[in-house]
């Protein structure tokens, strides 16, 4: 009888983990393949790194420097290393494209 209760608990636990994994998978796919989500993420990272940017500058930065692969790298860095590291990398990439607008990171 006790084994059945443990089995039922484990079954519900695995079902809950499955639901969480599926939701996380769809959220990641949306973040990765949605153009608006990628641009919003890039805007948030640049804003958090202390840069005041215009829409035209961000669009040029996205199209010329970062592109889709760069946003993926920033997403992975943000997920595994934190916003500070991804913001620092985005800031360094920004100053390589626009050296006149680059300030020290988080001044």
C-alpha atoms as a PDB file:
ATOM      1  CA  UNK A   1       0.000   0.000   0.000  1.00  0.00           C
ATOM      2  CA  UNK A   2       2.822   2.406   0.832  1.00  0.00           C
ATOM      3  CA  UNK A   3       4.550   1.589  -2.472  1.00  0.00           C
ATOM      4  CA  UNK A   4       1.416   2.540  -4.388  1.00  0.00           C
ATOM      5  CA  UNK A   5       1.331   5.976  -2.740  1.00  0.00           C
ATOM      6  CA  UNK A   6       4.961   6.554  -3.618  1.00  0.00           C
ATOM      7  CA  UNK A   7       4.290   5.436  -7.192  1.00  0.00           C
ATOM      8  CA  UNK A   8       1.290   7.787  -7.505  1.00  0.00           C
ATOM      9  CA  UNK A   9       3.327  10.674  -6.100  1.00  0.00           C
ATOM     10  CA  UNK A  10       6.161   9.978  -8.542  1.00  0.00           C
ATOM     11  CA  UNK A  11       3.713   9.696 -11.439  1.00  0.00           C
ATOM     12  CA  UNK A  12       2.248  13.151 -10.682  1.00  0.00           C
ATOM     13  CA  UNK A  13       5.731  14.548 -10.145  1.00  0.00           C
ATOM     14  CA  UNK A  14       6.848  13.348 -13.599  1.00  0.00           C
ATOM     15  CA  UNK A  15       3.624  14.651 -15.151  1.00  0.00           C
ATOM     16  CA  UNK A  16       4.276  18.076 -13.626  1.00  0.00           C
ATOM     17  CA  UNK A  17       7.875  18.022 -14.882  1.00  0.00           C
ATOM     18  CA  UNK A  18       6.649  17.103 -18.359  1.00  0.00           C
ATOM     19  CA  UNK A  19       4.231  20.043 -18.415  1.00  0.00           C
ATOM     20  CA  UNK A  20       6.938  22.447 -17.213  1.00  0.00           C
ATOM     21  CA  UNK A  21       9.379  21.151 -19.816  1.00  0.00           C
ATOM     22  CA  UNK A  22       6.881  21.498 -22.660  1.00  0.00           C
ATOM     23  CA  UNK A  23       5.952  25.047 -21.598  1.00  0.00           C
ATOM     24  CA  UNK A  24       9.636  25.973 -21.357  1.00  0.00           C
ATOM     25  CA  UNK A  25      10.317  24.452 -24.784  1.00  0.00           C
ATOM     26  CA  UNK A  26       7.561  26.502 -26.428  1.00  0.00           C
ATOM     27  CA  UNK A  27       8.716  29.666 -24.634  1.00  0.00           C
ATOM     28  CA  UNK A  28      12.272  29.090 -25.873  1.00  0.00           C
ATOM     29  CA  UNK A  29      11.086  28.410 -29.433  1.00  0.00           C
ATOM     30  CA  UNK A  30       9.025  31.609 -29.362  1.00  0.00           C
ATOM     31  CA  UNK A  31      11.974  33.599 -28.022  1.00  0.00           C
ATOM     32  CA  UNK A  32      14.326  32.093 -30.583  1.00  0.00           C
ATOM     33  CA  UNK A  33      12.199  32.297 -33.731  1.00  0.00           C
ATOM     34  CA  UNK A  34       9.986  35.350 -33.150  1.00  0.00           C
ATOM     35  CA  UNK A  35      11.524  38.427 -34.730  1.00  0.00           C
ATOM     36  CA  UNK A  36       9.737  40.782 -32.331  1.00  0.00           C
ATOM     37  CA  UNK A  37      10.864  38.801 -29.284  1.00  0.00           C
ATOM     38  CA  UNK A  38      14.498  38.859 -30.466  1.00  0.00           C
ATOM     39  CA  UNK A  39      14.419  42.603 -31.047  1.00  0.00           C
ATOM     40  CA  UNK A  40      12.710  43.248 -27.708  1.00  0.00           C
ATOM     41  CA  UNK A  41      15.319  41.124 -25.951  1.00  0.00           C
ATOM     42  CA  UNK A  42      18.131  43.011 -27.671  1.00  0.00           C
ATOM     43  CA  UNK A  43      16.536  46.339 -26.733  1.00  0.00           C
ATOM     44  CA  UNK A  44      16.242  45.228 -23.091  1.00  0.00           C
ATOM     45  CA  UNK A  45      19.861  44.068 -22.966  1.00  0.00           C
ATOM     46  CA  UNK A  46      21.105  47.329 -24.471  1.00  0.00           C
ATOM     47  CA  UNK A  47      18.948  49.365 -22.089  1.00  0.00           C
ATOM     48  CA  UNK A  48      20.146  47.364 -19.090  1.00  0.00           C
ATOM     49  CA  UNK A  49      23.745  47.953 -20.124  1.00  0.00           C
ATOM     50  CA  UNK A  50      23.227  51.698 -19.863  1.00  0.00           C
ATOM     51  CA  UNK A  51      22.961  52.654 -23.530  1.00  0.00           C
ATOM     52  CA  UNK A  52      20.412  55.166 -24.786  1.00  0.00           C
ATOM     53  CA  UNK A  53      19.601  54.007 -28.288  1.00  0.00           C
ATOM     54  CA  UNK A  54      17.153  54.997 -30.975  1.00  0.00           C
ATOM     55  CA  UNK A  55      15.038  52.588 -32.958  1.00  0.00           C
ATOM     56  CA  UNK A  56      17.043  53.266 -36.122  1.00  0.00           C
ATOM     57  CA  UNK A  57      20.354  52.609 -34.344  1.00  0.00           C
ATOM     58  CA  UNK A  58      19.044  49.373 -32.853  1.00  0.00           C
ATOM     59  CA  UNK A  59      17.772  48.260 -36.249  1.00  0.00           C
ATOM     60  CA  UNK A  60      21.147  48.997 -37.854  1.00  0.00           C
ATOM     61  CA  UNK A  61      22.940  47.242 -34.982  1.00  0.00           C
ATOM     62  CA  UNK A  62      20.685  44.207 -35.326  1.00  0.00           C
ATOM     63  CA  UNK A  63      21.033  43.972 -39.106  1.00  0.00           C
ATOM     64  CA  UNK A  64      24.758  44.729 -39.375  1.00  0.00           C
ATOM     65  CA  UNK A  65      26.368  43.371 -36.212  1.00  0.00           C
ATOM     66  CA  UNK A  66      24.335  40.943 -34.158  1.00  0.00           C
ATOM     67  CA  UNK A  67      21.887  39.284 -36.542  1.00  0.00           C
ATOM     68  CA  UNK A  68      20.048  36.122 -35.483  1.00  0.00           C
ATOM     69  CA  UNK A  69      23.112  34.169 -34.372  1.00  0.00           C
ATOM     70  CA  UNK A  70      24.330  36.967 -32.149  1.00  0.00           C
ATOM     71  CA  UNK A  71      20.952  37.200 -30.455  1.00  0.00           C
ATOM     72  CA  UNK A  72      21.104  33.441 -29.856  1.00  0.00           C
ATOM     73  CA  UNK A  73      24.518  33.826 -28.221  1.00  0.00           C
ATOM     74  CA  UNK A  74      23.192  36.676 -26.076  1.00  0.00           C
ATOM     75  CA  UNK A  75      20.126  34.600 -25.141  1.00  0.00           C
ATOM     76  CA  UNK A  76      22.278  31.660 -24.086  1.00  0.00           C
ATOM     77  CA  UNK A  77      24.652  33.925 -22.196  1.00  0.00           C
ATOM     78  CA  UNK A  78      21.721  35.632 -20.478  1.00  0.00           C
ATOM     79  CA  UNK A  79      20.169  32.299 -19.516  1.00  0.00           C
ATOM     80  CA  UNK A  80      23.389  30.753 -18.220  1.00  0.00           C
ATOM     81  CA  UNK A  81      25.544  33.686 -17.156  1.00  0.00           C
ATOM     82  CA  UNK A  82      23.108  36.433 -16.310  1.00  0.00           C
ATOM     83  CA  UNK A  83      22.061  39.785 -17.666  1.00  0.00           C
ATOM     84  CA  UNK A  84      25.260  41.489 -16.543  1.00  0.00           C
ATOM     85  CA  UNK A  85      27.468  39.340 -18.790  1.00  0.00           C
ATOM     86  CA  UNK A  86      25.127  39.518 -21.782  1.00  0.00           C
ATOM     87  CA  UNK A  87      24.796  43.268 -21.296  1.00  0.00           C
ATOM     88  CA  UNK A  88      28.556  43.692 -21.187  1.00  0.00           C
ATOM     89  CA  UNK A  89      28.989  41.706 -24.406  1.00  0.00           C
ATOM     90  CA  UNK A  90      26.200  43.662 -26.115  1.00  0.00           C
ATOM     91  CA  UNK A  91      27.781  46.905 -24.928  1.00  0.00           C
ATOM     92  CA  UNK A  92      31.166  45.929 -26.368  1.00  0.00           C
ATOM     93  CA  UNK A  93      29.543  44.965 -29.666  1.00  0.00           C
ATOM     94  CA  UNK A  94      27.664  48.261 -29.667  1.00  0.00           C
ATOM     95  CA  UNK A  95      30.827  50.301 -29.118  1.00  0.00           C
ATOM     96  CA  UNK A  96      32.516  48.424 -31.964  1.00  0.00           C
ATOM     97  CA  UNK A  97      29.711  49.581 -34.279  1.00  0.00           C
ATOM     98  CA  UNK A  98      29.085  53.046 -32.785  1.00  0.00           C
ATOM     99  CA  UNK A  99      32.316  54.114 -31.040  1.00  0.00           C
ATOM    100  CA  UNK A 100      31.174  57.719 -30.598  1.00  0.00           C
ATOM    101  CA  UNK A 101      28.115  56.738 -28.499  1.00  0.00           C
ATOM    102  CA  UNK A 102      29.788  54.084 -26.357  1.00  0.00           C
ATOM    103  CA  UNK A 103      30.230  54.956 -22.712  1.00  0.00           C
ATOM    104  CA  UNK A 104      31.852  52.882 -20.023  1.00  0.00           C
ATOM    105  CA  UNK A 105      29.704  49.928 -19.040  1.00  0.00           C
ATOM    106  CA  UNK A 106      27.140  50.779 -16.332  1.00  0.00           C
ATOM    107  CA  UNK A 107      28.338  54.300 -15.577  1.00  0.00           C
END
